[in-house]
Amino acid sequence: MSAVEGVNTGRMWKWLPAAVGVNVLLGIPGVVPVWLLWYYASNGPLADLGWTRREATENDGMLLWLLIVVPVNAAFLLVWWLANRPVRRRMALDSRMYWPAGALMALVPTFILMLVL
């Protein structure tokens, strides 16, 4: 029996590189949905609260942005979920740990880009 009761750590380590690779590689194009969410939030709700300043040239309204942001983010989340489902089934990690860890790994390229720029 492994150190953690009921967890096959051998199987977990076997699929760990696949889980990290899938999420980090999907995080590269995932920079676009994160940027779209930030752009929408900073020009809409956060600007209304006074936390950010509205882009001076942004005069198209928020409906146009919602028509762009929602489909792009929905498509990314669908691809991310479909790519992670087979890896998640093969890992011996609980779903409550795998999905948040996968989401954080997918955000790694965004964090790196924020640090570099």
C-alpha atoms as a PDB file:
ATOM      1  CA  MET A   1       0.000   0.000   0.000  1.00  0.00           C
ATOM      2  CA  SER A   2       1.261   3.486  -0.784  1.00  0.00           C
ATOM      3  CA  ALA A   3       1.863   6.276   1.693  1.00  0.00           C
ATOM      4  CA  VAL A   4      -1.511   7.770   0.832  1.00  0.00           C
ATOM      5  CA  GLU A   5      -4.304   5.331   1.584  1.00  0.00           C
ATOM      6  CA  GLY A   6      -6.280   4.229  -1.440  1.00  0.00           C
ATOM      7  CA  VAL A   7      -4.214   6.123  -4.019  1.00  0.00           C
ATOM      8  CA  ASN A   8      -2.146   4.275  -6.586  1.00  0.00           C
ATOM      9  CA  THR A   9       0.790   6.692  -6.765  1.00  0.00           C
ATOM     10  CA  GLY A  10       2.525   4.638  -9.446  1.00  0.00           C
ATOM     11  CA  ARG A  11      -0.342   5.261 -11.824  1.00  0.00           C
ATOM     12  CA  MET A  12      -0.455   8.909 -10.798  1.00  0.00           C
ATOM     13  CA  TRP A  13       3.221   9.503 -11.598  1.00  0.00           C
ATOM     14  CA  LYS A  14       2.890   7.713 -14.927  1.00  0.00           C
ATOM     15  CA  TRP A  15       0.244  10.166 -16.177  1.00  0.00           C
ATOM     16  CA  LEU A  16       1.567  13.291 -14.441  1.00  0.00           C
ATOM     17  CA  PRO A  17       3.717  14.451 -17.424  1.00  0.00           C
ATOM     18  CA  ALA A  18       0.713  14.033 -19.719  1.00  0.00           C
ATOM     19  CA  ALA A  19      -1.498  16.090 -17.400  1.00  0.00           C
ATOM     20  CA  VAL A  20       1.083  18.853 -17.058  1.00  0.00           C
ATOM     21  CA  GLY A  21       1.845  18.820 -20.779  1.00  0.00           C
ATOM     22  CA  VAL A  22      -1.784  18.954 -21.890  1.00  0.00           C
ATOM     23  CA  ASN A  23      -2.627  21.816 -19.567  1.00  0.00           C
ATOM     24  CA  VAL A  24       0.481  23.912 -20.174  1.00  0.00           C
ATOM     25  CA  LEU A  25       0.243  23.455 -23.951  1.00  0.00           C
ATOM     26  CA  LEU A  26      -3.442  24.390 -23.902  1.00  0.00           C
ATOM     27  CA  GLY A  27      -2.508  27.368 -21.754  1.00  0.00           C
ATOM     28  CA  ILE A  28      -0.529  28.891 -24.633  1.00  0.00           C
ATOM     29  CA  PRO A  29      -3.597  29.612 -26.786  1.00  0.00           C
ATOM     30  CA  GLY A  30      -5.484  30.065 -23.508  1.00  0.00           C
ATOM     31  CA  VAL A  31      -3.779  33.438 -23.140  1.00  0.00           C
ATOM     32  CA  VAL A  32      -6.319  34.846 -25.609  1.00  0.00           C
ATOM     33  CA  PRO A  33      -9.474  33.992 -23.583  1.00  0.00           C
ATOM     34  CA  VAL A  34      -7.846  35.292 -20.399  1.00  0.00           C
ATOM     35  CA  TRP A  35      -6.940  38.546 -22.164  1.00  0.00           C
ATOM     36  CA  LEU A  36     -10.467  38.873 -23.554  1.00  0.00           C
ATOM     37  CA  LEU A  37     -11.942  38.417 -20.075  1.00  0.00           C
ATOM     38  CA  TRP A  38      -9.596  41.053 -18.661  1.00  0.00           C
ATOM     39  CA  TYR A  39     -10.326  43.505 -21.483  1.00  0.00           C
ATOM     40  CA  TYR A  40     -14.065  43.078 -21.050  1.00  0.00           C
ATOM     41  CA  ALA A  41     -13.881  43.389 -17.256  1.00  0.00           C
ATOM     42  CA  SER A  42     -11.559  46.406 -17.286  1.00  0.00           C
ATOM     43  CA  ASN A  43     -13.714  48.317 -19.787  1.00  0.00           C
ATOM     44  CA  GLY A  44     -17.045  47.265 -18.335  1.00  0.00           C
ATOM     45  CA  PRO A  45     -17.804  46.356 -14.725  1.00  0.00           C
ATOM     46  CA  LEU A  46     -14.454  47.383 -13.216  1.00  0.00           C
ATOM     47  CA  ALA A  47     -14.540  50.758 -14.990  1.00  0.00           C
ATOM     48  CA  ASP A  48     -18.089  51.326 -13.739  1.00  0.00           C
ATOM     49  CA  LEU A  49     -16.853  50.740 -10.186  1.00  0.00           C
ATOM     50  CA  GLY A  50     -13.961  53.156 -10.748  1.00  0.00           C
ATOM     51  CA  TRP A  51     -11.276  50.497 -10.297  1.00  0.00           C
ATOM     52  CA  THR A  52      -9.929  50.866 -13.851  1.00  0.00           C
ATOM     53  CA  ARG A  53     -10.124  53.445 -16.609  1.00  0.00           C
ATOM     54  CA  ARG A  54     -12.077  52.788 -19.757  1.00  0.00           C
ATOM     55  CA  GLU A  55     -10.139  52.534 -23.021  1.00  0.00           C
ATOM     56  CA  ALA A  56     -10.627  55.906 -24.724  1.00  0.00           C
ATOM     57  CA  THR A  57     -11.204  54.364 -28.158  1.00  0.00           C
ATOM     58  CA  GLU A  58     -13.626  51.711 -26.894  1.00  0.00           C
ATOM     59  CA  ASN A  59     -16.965  53.050 -28.085  1.00  0.00           C
ATOM     60  CA  ASP A  60     -18.560  49.975 -29.660  1.00  0.00           C
ATOM     61  CA  GLY A  61     -20.454  49.033 -26.536  1.00  0.00           C
ATOM     62  CA  MET A  62     -20.286  45.913 -24.429  1.00  0.00           C
ATOM     63  CA  LEU A  63     -22.699  43.771 -26.440  1.00  0.00           C
ATOM     64  CA  LEU A  64     -20.149  43.360 -29.220  1.00  0.00           C
ATOM     65  CA  TRP A  65     -17.562  42.230 -26.684  1.00  0.00           C
ATOM     66  CA  LEU A  66     -19.982  39.740 -25.174  1.00  0.00           C
ATOM     67  CA  LEU A  67     -20.570  38.308 -28.642  1.00  0.00           C
ATOM     68  CA  ILE A  68     -16.805  37.756 -28.905  1.00  0.00           C
ATOM     69  CA  VAL A  69     -15.845  36.872 -25.326  1.00  0.00           C
ATOM     70  CA  VAL A  70     -18.522  34.258 -24.622  1.00  0.00           C
ATOM     71  CA  PRO A  71     -17.983  32.049 -27.722  1.00  0.00           C
ATOM     72  CA  VAL A  72     -14.173  32.217 -27.511  1.00  0.00           C
ATOM     73  CA  ASN A  73     -14.139  31.313 -23.820  1.00  0.00           C
ATOM     74  CA  ALA A  74     -16.778  28.610 -24.282  1.00  0.00           C
ATOM     75  CA  ALA A  75     -14.788  27.057 -27.138  1.00  0.00           C
ATOM     76  CA  PHE A  76     -11.574  27.135 -25.109  1.00  0.00           C
ATOM     77  CA  LEU A  77     -13.229  25.594 -22.043  1.00  0.00           C
ATOM     78  CA  LEU A  78     -14.793  22.868 -24.177  1.00  0.00           C
ATOM     79  CA  VAL A  79     -11.458  21.980 -25.818  1.00  0.00           C
ATOM     80  CA  TRP A  80      -9.698  22.102 -22.436  1.00  0.00           C
ATOM     81  CA  TRP A  81     -12.297  19.835 -20.833  1.00  0.00           C
ATOM     82  CA  LEU A  82     -12.290  17.352 -23.732  1.00  0.00           C
ATOM     83  CA  ALA A  83      -8.482  17.178 -23.707  1.00  0.00           C
ATOM     84  CA  ASN A  84      -8.345  16.649 -19.936  1.00  0.00           C
ATOM     85  CA  ARG A  85     -11.100  14.045 -19.624  1.00  0.00           C
ATOM     86  CA  PRO A  86      -9.045  11.064 -20.867  1.00  0.00           C
ATOM     87  CA  VAL A  87      -6.021  12.090 -18.801  1.00  0.00           C
ATOM     88  CA  ARG A  88      -8.155  12.589 -15.690  1.00  0.00           C
ATOM     89  CA  ARG A  89      -9.668   9.111 -16.024  1.00  0.00           C
ATOM     90  CA  ARG A  90      -6.214   7.535 -16.152  1.00  0.00           C
ATOM     91  CA  MET A  91      -4.806   9.473 -13.202  1.00  0.00           C
ATOM     92  CA  ALA A  92      -5.295   8.164  -9.699  1.00  0.00           C
ATOM     93  CA  LEU A  93      -6.015  11.643  -8.412  1.00  0.00           C
ATOM     94  CA  ASP A  94      -9.352  12.790  -7.065  1.00  0.00           C
ATOM     95  CA  SER A  95     -11.394  15.060  -9.336  1.00  0.00           C
ATOM     96  CA  ARG A  96     -11.529  17.732  -6.650  1.00  0.00           C
ATOM     97  CA  MET A  97      -7.737  18.017  -6.888  1.00  0.00           C
ATOM     98  CA  TYR A  98      -7.202  17.361 -10.601  1.00  0.00           C
ATOM     99  CA  TRP A  99      -9.473  20.005 -12.132  1.00  0.00           C
ATOM    100  CA  PRO A 100      -8.280  23.006 -10.057  1.00  0.00           C
ATOM    101  CA  ALA A 101      -4.655  21.911 -10.520  1.00  0.00           C
ATOM    102  CA  GLY A 102      -5.248  21.563 -14.260  1.00  0.00           C
ATOM    103  CA  ALA A 103      -6.776  25.034 -14.425  1.00  0.00           C
ATOM    104  CA  LEU A 104      -3.794  26.512 -12.587  1.00  0.00           C
ATOM    105  CA  MET A 105      -1.379  24.711 -14.925  1.00  0.00           C
ATOM    106  CA  ALA A 106      -3.280  26.103 -17.907  1.00  0.00           C
ATOM    107  CA  LEU A 107      -2.794  29.605 -16.484  1.00  0.00           C
ATOM    108  CA  VAL A 108       1.003  29.203 -16.215  1.00  0.00           C
ATOM    109  CA  PRO A 109       1.687  30.622 -19.723  1.00  0.00           C
ATOM    110  CA  THR A 110      -0.502  33.641 -18.920  1.00  0.00           C
ATOM    111  CA  PHE A 111       1.404  34.286 -15.678  1.00  0.00           C
ATOM    112  CA  ILE A 112       4.737  33.939 -17.496  1.00  0.00           C
ATOM    113  CA  LEU A 113       3.590  36.373 -20.169  1.00  0.00           C
ATOM    114  CA  MET A 114       2.482  38.848 -17.493  1.00  0.00           C
ATOM    115  CA  LEU A 115       5.901  38.623 -15.816  1.00  0.00           C
ATOM    116  CA  VAL A 116       7.819  39.043 -19.071  1.00  0.00           C
ATOM    117  CA  LEU A 117       5.759  41.925 -20.411  1.00  0.00           C
END
